[in-house]
Amino acid sequence: MTLVIDNLKKKFDKHVAVDGISLTVEKGTMFGLLGANGAGKTTSFRMILGLLDPTEGTVTWNGERLSYKRTKLIGYLPEERGLFPKLTVKEQLIYLMKLKGMNKIDIIKEMRFWLDRFQVPEYENKKIEELSKGNQQKIQFMAAVLHKPELLILDEPFSGLDPVNSDMLKKAVLDLQQTGTTIVFSSHQMRNVEELCEDLIMLKQGKAVLQGNLREIKRSYGMKSIRIRADYELDFLRSVDGVLNLDISKDDAAIKVENEQVAETIFQAIAEKGFVRKFEVEEPSLHDIFIDKAGGEADE
């Protein structure tokens, strides 16, 4: 079972929201769809789900176009949450899961499993409006996974969650992947993407500006980071060609450089000055790559 997107394009009048992206997501993998606000992520998700018709190109799951008739195969957590505030958690999930073709007995069984997992079993008969934002998000996530979808689309799933709930949700997502669920998600929190994703595509103004295996992208990316600790001032390194940024703290200096050749130049320069306690070249973080390629802001 494979998600295949081929030359996907969406135009709204003269505005091109998505401009010819292509990708393949194999069964049981975790794929990141990244970009700054307005890059085309949500429009892409809506075309994958069949909620929007593409202007050009195709989207298929296991060789067939997704539509409402195949909705039980898909789970979707939208960026803008859509729960009914006056319904209880139980009423909410029974209603939504019946739309997915589940019977009431199975719905209640799965609901209680997930309520226990998220450590909120007492919320079964509470109204949505009585829950905190983070707990409402847990219920929204449950609405996306109770029917055990083959393909799960998560649009900013960690937005607004505190670290405890974020880790809880992250573990749930990983467990779903291990059981064979194919997951495509977006996030502004690049640390979560680095921890979860195997492959990704990064959009800017609807076009792919970076695509491939995350590990290979980081390894081959020109920009590098250096951490230096020495017994003398390092401010003189600002004038070295190829230094993109120098941040000096009490304990060490963090430097972003264009490539490894610049790193070698810096090493030679500081070695001539005296004793070097630490010199470490690191691959760029996904946060650094996102800022460089997508031109937007990402959360650490």
Protein backbone atom coordinates (compact mmCIF):
# COMPACT_ATOMS: atom_id res chain seq x y z
CA MET A 1 0.00 0.00 0.00
CA THR A 2 1.66 3.16 -1.23
CA LEU A 3 0.71 6.83 -1.38
CA VAL A 4 1.76 8.23 -4.75
CA ILE A 5 1.56 11.93 -5.60
CA ASP A 6 2.40 12.71 -9.22
CA ASN A 7 2.97 16.28 -10.46
CA LEU A 8 0.34 17.70 -8.13
CA LYS A 9 -0.74 21.28 -8.79
CA LYS A 10 -3.50 23.50 -7.40
CA LYS A 11 -4.41 26.98 -8.66
CA PHE A 12 -6.91 29.39 -7.14
CA ASP A 13 -7.58 31.90 -9.92
CA LYS A 14 -4.06 33.20 -10.69
CA HIS A 15 -2.52 32.03 -7.42
CA VAL A 16 -0.58 28.75 -7.55
CA ALA A 17 -0.86 27.18 -4.09
CA VAL A 18 0.85 23.89 -4.96
CA ASP A 19 3.18 23.74 -7.94
CA GLY A 20 3.96 20.31 -9.36
CA ILE A 21 5.07 18.23 -6.36
CA SER A 22 5.69 14.49 -6.67
CA LEU A 23 6.45 11.98 -3.94
CA THR A 24 5.99 8.37 -2.89
CA VAL A 25 5.30 7.23 0.67
CA GLU A 26 5.63 3.52 1.32
CA LYS A 27 3.46 1.58 3.76
CA GLY A 28 4.41 1.94 7.41
CA THR A 29 6.72 4.93 6.97
CA MET A 30 6.66 8.38 8.56
CA PHE A 31 6.84 11.23 6.06
CA GLY A 32 7.20 14.94 6.82
CA LEU A 33 5.52 17.65 4.74
CA LEU A 34 7.19 20.90 5.80
CA GLY A 35 7.02 24.57 4.93
CA ALA A 36 6.38 28.02 6.35
CA ASN A 37 2.83 29.35 6.64
CA GLY A 38 1.30 29.66 3.18
CA ALA A 39 3.75 27.20 1.59
CA GLY A 40 0.97 24.86 0.42
CA LYS A 41 0.96 22.17 3.15
CA THR A 42 -2.73 22.24 4.06
CA THR A 43 -3.79 22.52 0.41
CA SER A 44 -1.67 19.43 -0.33
CA PHE A 45 -3.29 17.53 2.54
CA ARG A 46 -6.76 18.42 1.30
CA MET A 47 -5.94 17.14 -2.18
CA ILE A 48 -4.53 13.90 -0.73
CA LEU A 49 -7.78 13.44 1.19
CA GLY A 50 -9.94 14.18 -1.84
CA LEU A 51 -11.41 17.31 -0.24
CA LEU A 52 -9.95 19.43 -3.05
CA ASP A 53 -9.60 18.45 -6.69
CA PRO A 54 -6.15 19.12 -8.10
CA THR A 55 -5.79 21.45 -11.07
CA GLU A 56 -3.24 19.00 -12.45
CA GLY A 57 -1.69 15.74 -11.32
CA THR A 58 -2.94 12.75 -9.37
CA VAL A 59 -3.01 11.32 -5.84
CA THR A 60 -3.52 7.59 -5.32
CA TRP A 61 -3.51 5.27 -2.34
CA ASN A 62 -2.78 1.66 -3.30
CA GLY A 63 -3.40 2.62 -6.93
CA GLU A 64 -6.80 4.27 -6.38
CA ARG A 65 -7.93 7.84 -5.85
CA LEU A 66 -9.09 8.61 -2.33
CA SER A 67 -12.67 9.79 -1.92
CA TYR A 68 -15.46 9.84 0.67
CA LYS A 69 -16.31 6.24 -0.23
CA ARG A 70 -12.89 5.18 1.08
CA THR A 71 -12.94 7.42 4.16
CA LYS A 72 -12.63 4.47 6.57
CA LEU A 73 -9.10 3.92 5.25
CA ILE A 74 -7.95 7.40 6.31
CA GLY A 75 -7.45 9.28 9.56
CA TYR A 76 -7.12 13.06 9.52
CA LEU A 77 -6.13 15.47 12.27
CA PRO A 78 -6.65 18.99 10.86
CA GLU A 79 -4.60 21.96 12.01
CA GLU A 80 -7.80 23.77 13.00
CA ARG A 81 -9.62 21.51 15.42
CA GLY A 82 -13.28 20.74 14.78
CA LEU A 83 -14.98 19.19 17.81
CA PHE A 84 -18.54 19.92 18.95
CA PRO A 85 -18.17 21.73 22.30
CA LYS A 86 -21.59 20.76 23.72
CA LEU A 87 -21.16 17.00 23.15
CA THR A 88 -19.47 14.71 25.62
CA VAL A 89 -16.31 12.89 24.57
CA LYS A 90 -18.28 9.65 24.26
CA GLU A 91 -21.07 11.24 22.18
CA GLN A 92 -18.50 12.97 19.99
CA LEU A 93 -16.51 9.84 19.19
CA ILE A 94 -19.53 7.62 18.65
CA TYR A 95 -20.91 10.13 16.14
CA LEU A 96 -17.63 10.56 14.24
CA MET A 97 -16.70 6.87 14.20
CA LYS A 98 -20.13 5.82 12.95
CA LEU A 99 -19.36 7.99 9.93
CA LYS A 100 -16.31 5.75 9.47
CA GLY A 101 -18.49 2.62 9.54
CA MET A 102 -17.70 1.41 13.07
CA ASN A 103 -20.34 -0.10 15.36
CA LYS A 104 -21.01 1.32 18.82
CA ILE A 105 -19.51 -1.58 20.81
CA ASP A 106 -16.18 -1.34 18.98
CA ILE A 107 -16.16 2.46 19.23
CA ILE A 108 -16.57 2.38 23.02
CA LYS A 109 -13.91 -0.33 23.36
CA GLU A 110 -11.35 1.64 21.32
CA MET A 111 -12.32 4.91 23.00
CA ARG A 112 -11.65 3.51 26.47
CA PHE A 113 -8.35 2.05 25.33
CA TRP A 114 -7.18 5.47 24.13
CA LEU A 115 -8.59 7.36 27.12
CA ASP A 116 -6.60 5.03 29.39
CA ARG A 117 -3.51 5.42 27.23
CA PHE A 118 -3.74 9.22 27.41
CA GLN A 119 -4.37 8.97 31.19
CA VAL A 120 -7.79 10.66 31.04
CA PRO A 121 -10.39 7.84 31.53
CA GLU A 122 -12.54 10.21 33.62
CA TYR A 123 -13.20 12.38 30.53
CA GLU A 124 -15.54 9.87 28.87
CA ASN A 125 -18.70 11.72 29.91
CA LYS A 126 -17.28 15.24 30.04
CA LYS A 127 -18.29 17.83 27.49
CA ILE A 128 -15.59 18.97 25.07
CA GLU A 129 -15.94 22.58 26.25
CA GLU A 130 -14.99 21.48 29.78
CA LEU A 131 -11.58 20.19 28.65
CA SER A 132 -8.33 22.09 28.35
CA LYS A 133 -6.95 22.82 24.90
CA GLY A 134 -4.37 20.07 25.24
CA ASN A 135 -6.95 17.48 26.28
CA GLN A 136 -9.28 18.54 23.48
CA GLN A 137 -6.38 17.83 21.14
CA LYS A 138 -6.07 14.32 22.56
CA ILE A 139 -9.74 13.72 21.75
CA GLN A 140 -9.26 15.13 18.25
CA PHE A 141 -6.34 12.74 17.77
CA MET A 142 -8.48 9.85 18.98
CA ALA A 143 -11.09 10.80 16.39
CA ALA A 144 -8.39 10.38 13.74
CA VAL A 145 -7.21 6.92 14.85
CA LEU A 146 -10.04 5.02 16.58
CA HIS A 147 -11.04 3.29 13.32
CA LYS A 148 -7.43 2.08 12.75
CA PRO A 149 -6.77 3.84 9.43
CA GLU A 150 -4.23 2.62 6.90
CA LEU A 151 -3.19 6.20 6.11
CA LEU A 152 -2.97 8.88 8.81
CA ILE A 153 -2.65 12.60 7.97
CA LEU A 154 -1.56 14.82 10.87
CA ASP A 155 -1.51 18.59 10.30
CA GLU A 156 0.48 20.25 13.12
CA PRO A 157 -0.35 17.52 15.67
CA PHE A 158 1.93 18.90 18.41
CA SER A 159 0.83 22.51 18.20
CA GLY A 160 -0.03 23.97 21.61
CA LEU A 161 0.88 20.84 23.60
CA ASP A 162 3.05 21.00 26.70
CA PRO A 163 6.18 18.75 26.74
CA VAL A 164 4.46 15.93 28.69
CA ASN A 165 1.48 15.69 26.34
CA SER A 166 3.70 16.19 23.30
CA ASP A 167 5.84 13.19 24.31
CA MET A 168 2.70 11.14 24.99
CA LEU A 169 1.32 11.89 21.54
CA LYS A 170 4.69 11.29 19.91
CA LYS A 171 4.89 7.81 21.45
CA ALA A 172 1.37 7.05 20.22
CA VAL A 173 2.31 8.10 16.68
CA LEU A 174 5.42 5.90 16.73
CA ASP A 175 3.42 2.91 17.97
CA LEU A 176 0.89 3.38 15.16
CA GLN A 177 3.72 3.42 12.64
CA GLN A 178 5.14 0.20 14.07
CA THR A 179 1.78 -1.51 13.55
CA GLY A 180 1.90 -0.60 9.85
CA THR A 181 0.09 2.73 9.65
CA THR A 182 1.47 5.07 7.00
CA ILE A 183 1.79 8.57 8.46
CA VAL A 184 2.21 11.95 6.75
CA PHE A 185 2.49 14.93 9.04
CA SER A 186 3.50 18.57 9.18
CA SER A 187 5.00 20.45 12.09
CA HIS A 188 6.77 23.71 12.85
CA GLN A 189 8.60 21.92 15.65
CA MET A 190 11.67 20.69 13.83
CA ARG A 191 12.91 18.58 16.75
CA ASN A 192 9.80 16.44 16.48
CA VAL A 193 10.32 16.06 12.73
CA GLU A 194 13.93 15.00 13.27
CA GLU A 195 12.88 12.42 15.85
CA LEU A 196 10.00 10.97 13.83
CA CYS A 197 10.65 11.37 10.11
CA GLU A 198 12.55 9.14 7.75
CA ASP A 199 11.83 11.13 4.61
CA LEU A 200 10.48 14.60 3.95
CA ILE A 201 9.57 17.24 1.42
CA MET A 202 9.97 20.95 2.13
CA LEU A 203 7.76 23.44 0.30
CA LYS A 204 8.23 27.13 -0.43
CA GLN A 205 5.51 29.00 -2.30
CA GLY A 206 4.04 25.68 -3.37
CA LYS A 207 7.25 24.25 -4.83
CA ALA A 208 9.53 21.57 -3.43
CA VAL A 209 12.83 23.16 -2.37
CA LEU A 210 14.17 20.07 -0.60
CA GLN A 211 13.18 16.42 -0.75
CA GLY A 212 14.56 13.04 0.24
CA ASN A 213 15.85 10.99 3.15
CA LEU A 214 16.38 13.16 6.22
CA ARG A 215 19.67 11.53 7.23
CA GLU A 216 21.12 11.91 3.73
CA ILE A 217 19.90 15.52 3.48
CA LYS A 218 21.67 16.48 6.70
CA ARG A 219 24.85 14.60 5.80
CA SER A 220 25.16 16.17 2.34
CA TYR A 221 23.99 19.67 3.21
CA GLY A 222 26.76 22.22 2.69
CA MET A 223 26.19 24.33 5.79
CA LYS A 224 27.87 23.05 8.96
CA SER A 225 27.92 24.06 12.62
CA ILE A 226 31.05 24.28 14.75
CA ARG A 227 31.39 24.42 18.52
CA ILE A 228 34.66 25.79 19.88
CA ARG A 229 36.02 26.23 23.38
CA ALA A 230 39.35 27.98 23.74
CA ASP A 231 41.33 30.03 26.27
CA TYR A 232 41.15 33.25 24.24
CA GLU A 233 38.70 35.54 22.48
CA LEU A 234 37.13 34.14 19.29
CA ASP A 235 35.42 37.26 18.02
CA PHE A 236 38.06 37.61 15.27
CA LEU A 237 36.43 34.66 13.46
CA ARG A 238 33.58 36.92 12.33
CA SER A 239 35.86 38.23 9.57
CA VAL A 240 36.64 34.77 8.14
CA ASP A 241 35.12 34.25 4.69
CA GLY A 242 32.33 31.69 4.80
CA VAL A 243 31.26 32.34 8.39
CA LEU A 244 27.50 32.80 8.35
CA ASN A 245 26.92 33.38 12.06
CA LEU A 246 28.96 33.52 15.26
CA ASP A 247 27.31 33.25 18.66
CA ILE A 248 29.67 33.55 21.63
CA SER A 249 28.44 32.45 25.05
CA LYS A 250 30.16 32.21 28.43
CA ASP A 251 31.39 28.66 27.82
CA ASP A 252 31.95 28.33 24.08
CA ALA A 253 31.28 29.68 20.60
CA ALA A 254 28.75 28.33 18.10
CA ILE A 255 29.56 29.08 14.49
CA LYS A 256 27.60 28.39 11.31
CA VAL A 257 29.77 28.06 8.22
CA GLU A 258 29.12 27.46 4.54
CA ASN A 259 30.97 24.15 4.25
CA GLU A 260 33.67 21.88 5.67
CA GLN A 261 36.44 23.81 3.91
CA VAL A 262 35.57 26.89 5.97
CA ALA A 263 35.64 24.72 9.09
CA GLU A 264 39.18 23.63 8.23
CA THR A 265 40.24 27.26 7.74
CA ILE A 266 38.83 28.14 11.15
CA PHE A 267 40.62 25.23 12.82
CA GLN A 268 43.95 26.35 11.38
CA ALA A 269 43.29 29.94 12.48
CA ILE A 270 42.52 29.07 16.11
CA ALA A 271 45.29 26.46 16.38
CA GLU A 272 47.79 29.22 15.68
CA LYS A 273 46.37 31.29 18.54
CA GLY A 274 46.83 28.79 21.33
CA PHE A 275 45.30 25.82 23.12
CA VAL A 276 41.89 24.61 21.84
CA ARG A 277 39.80 22.77 24.41
CA LYS A 278 37.02 21.80 22.04
CA PHE A 279 36.49 21.82 18.27
CA GLU A 280 33.47 19.92 17.01
CA VAL A 281 31.92 20.02 13.52
CA GLU A 282 28.23 19.12 13.49
CA GLU A 283 25.73 18.49 10.73
CA PRO A 284 23.14 21.26 10.48
CA SER A 285 19.94 20.82 12.43
CA LEU A 286 16.70 20.56 10.52
CA HIS A 287 15.80 23.90 12.09
CA ASP A 288 18.83 25.49 10.39
CA ILE A 289 17.99 23.85 7.06
CA PHE A 290 14.35 24.93 7.32
CA ILE A 291 15.33 28.58 7.87
CA ASP A 292 17.86 28.41 5.03
CA LYS A 293 15.63 26.72 2.45
CA ALA A 294 12.05 27.58 3.37
CA GLY A 295 12.75 31.11 4.54
CA GLY A 296 10.22 30.81 7.37
CA GLU A 297 10.28 30.44 11.10
CA ALA A 298 10.41 27.09 12.84
CA ASP A 299 10.03 26.25 16.49
CA GLU A 300 13.02 24.77 18.29
